[in-house]
Structures are given as structure tokens and as C-alpha cells.
Amino acid sequence: MSASLAPECNETKERYDNCFLKWYSEKYIRGTATNDECEPLFKQYKTCLSKALKERGIDQMLEDARADNKENDAEYMKLSAR
């Protein structure tokens, strides 16, 4: 598994990755999953990562890049829906 973009989130990401891989291979693929059991861990990781990105000023760059690419994203979504 890969490290997080924010080293302080590595432990949380590793717990989520392990949970997801187990859930995916043992339940989702076999069709026995009723929900995403790892969602609480994902939320913890997302919170940690969001905080780290904000502290580094990267969050605004991401928002700007998303805004600049809205039209491209919309076009891609149209093409992939076909």
C-alpha cells in the first residue's frame, strides 16, 4: 500500500486500506456486502488529509484546479455514460 500525501495520516490510511482490501475481497466481490463497513475509517482519513492539505495551502490549489476543469469533467462524464 502507498503512503498518504500527508505523513501524519499514514496510520489512518493504512487502517482504511487494510479494511477496504479485506471487505472488497471477502464480501463485495462475493456479493455478500450489505454496506461499506470501512466508511468510518475513510471519513477519519479524509478528515486528516483535508486538515493537512489546508495547513499546507494545497486545498485552495485543488479547488482552483477543479473549477478550471469543470467543463472537461462534464464532457468526460458525458462520454463515459455512453
Protein backbone atom coordinates (compact mmCIF):
# COMPACT_ATOMS: atom_id res chain seq x y z
CA MET A 1 0.00 0.00 0.00
CA SER A 2 1.10 3.50 -0.67
CA ALA A 3 1.79 6.20 1.85
CA SER A 4 -0.51 9.13 2.35
CA LEU A 5 0.25 12.51 0.83
CA ALA A 6 0.43 13.69 4.44
CA PRO A 7 2.79 11.58 6.57
CA GLU A 8 0.76 12.35 9.68
CA CYS A 9 -2.15 10.48 8.07
CA ASN A 10 -0.20 7.32 7.18
CA GLU A 11 -1.51 5.26 10.10
CA THR A 12 -5.13 6.19 9.41
CA LYS A 13 -4.71 5.49 5.70
CA GLU A 14 -3.14 2.10 6.41
CA ARG A 15 -6.06 1.11 8.66
CA TYR A 16 -8.53 2.16 5.97
CA ASP A 17 -6.60 0.42 3.18
CA ASN A 18 -6.45 -2.84 5.15
CA CYS A 19 -10.14 -2.68 5.98
CA PHE A 20 -11.11 -1.90 2.39
CA LEU A 21 -8.99 -4.66 0.85
CA LYS A 22 -10.43 -7.23 3.25
CA TRP A 23 -14.03 -6.03 2.76
CA TYR A 24 -13.65 -5.86 -1.01
CA SER A 25 -12.12 -9.31 -1.44
CA GLU A 26 -14.13 -11.16 1.19
CA LYS A 27 -17.54 -9.55 0.86
CA TYR A 28 -18.02 -7.19 -2.08
CA ILE A 29 -16.57 -9.48 -4.75
CA ARG A 30 -18.57 -12.41 -3.39
CA GLY A 31 -21.78 -10.41 -3.37
CA THR A 32 -22.33 -10.61 0.38
CA ALA A 33 -21.64 -6.96 1.23
CA THR A 34 -24.63 -5.07 2.55
CA ASN A 35 -22.80 -1.81 3.24
CA ASP A 36 -19.32 -0.29 3.21
CA GLU A 37 -18.01 -1.32 6.61
CA CYS A 38 -14.90 0.81 6.14
CA GLU A 39 -16.68 4.13 5.64
CA PRO A 40 -15.95 5.38 9.20
CA LEU A 41 -12.22 4.78 8.62
CA PHE A 42 -12.40 6.53 5.26
CA LYS A 43 -14.03 9.54 6.91
CA GLN A 44 -11.23 9.65 9.51
CA TYR A 45 -8.61 9.54 6.77
CA LYS A 46 -10.41 12.19 4.69
CA THR A 47 -10.60 14.49 7.73
CA CYS A 48 -6.90 14.04 8.46
CA LEU A 49 -5.91 14.60 4.84
CA SER A 50 -8.16 17.65 4.44
CA LYS A 51 -6.63 19.23 7.52
CA ALA A 52 -3.09 18.56 6.28
CA LEU A 53 -3.84 19.95 2.81
CA LYS A 54 -5.37 23.08 4.32
CA GLU A 55 -2.38 23.63 6.60
CA ARG A 56 -0.09 23.44 3.55
CA GLY A 57 -2.29 25.72 1.43
CA ILE A 58 -2.90 22.94 -1.08
CA ASP A 59 -6.66 22.87 -0.56
CA GLN A 60 -7.14 26.15 -2.43
CA MET A 61 -5.00 24.94 -5.32
CA LEU A 62 -7.19 21.84 -5.59
CA GLU A 63 -10.38 23.90 -5.57
CA ASP A 64 -8.96 26.17 -8.28
CA ALA A 65 -7.92 23.21 -10.43
CA ARG A 66 -11.37 21.64 -10.07
CA ALA A 67 -13.03 24.90 -11.03
CA ASP A 68 -10.75 25.27 -14.06
CA ASN A 69 -11.64 21.77 -15.26
CA LYS A 70 -15.42 21.71 -14.70
CA GLU A 71 -16.14 21.77 -18.42
CA ASN A 72 -13.65 18.98 -19.14
CA ASP A 73 -15.08 16.89 -16.31
CA ALA A 74 -18.63 17.38 -17.60
CA GLU A 75 -17.58 16.35 -21.11
CA TYR A 76 -15.78 13.28 -19.77
CA MET A 77 -18.84 12.25 -17.78
CA LYS A 78 -20.99 12.50 -20.93
CA LEU A 79 -18.57 10.30 -22.86
CA SER A 80 -18.25 7.69 -20.13
CA ALA A 81 -22.04 7.42 -19.77
CA ARG A 82 -22.36 6.13 -23.34
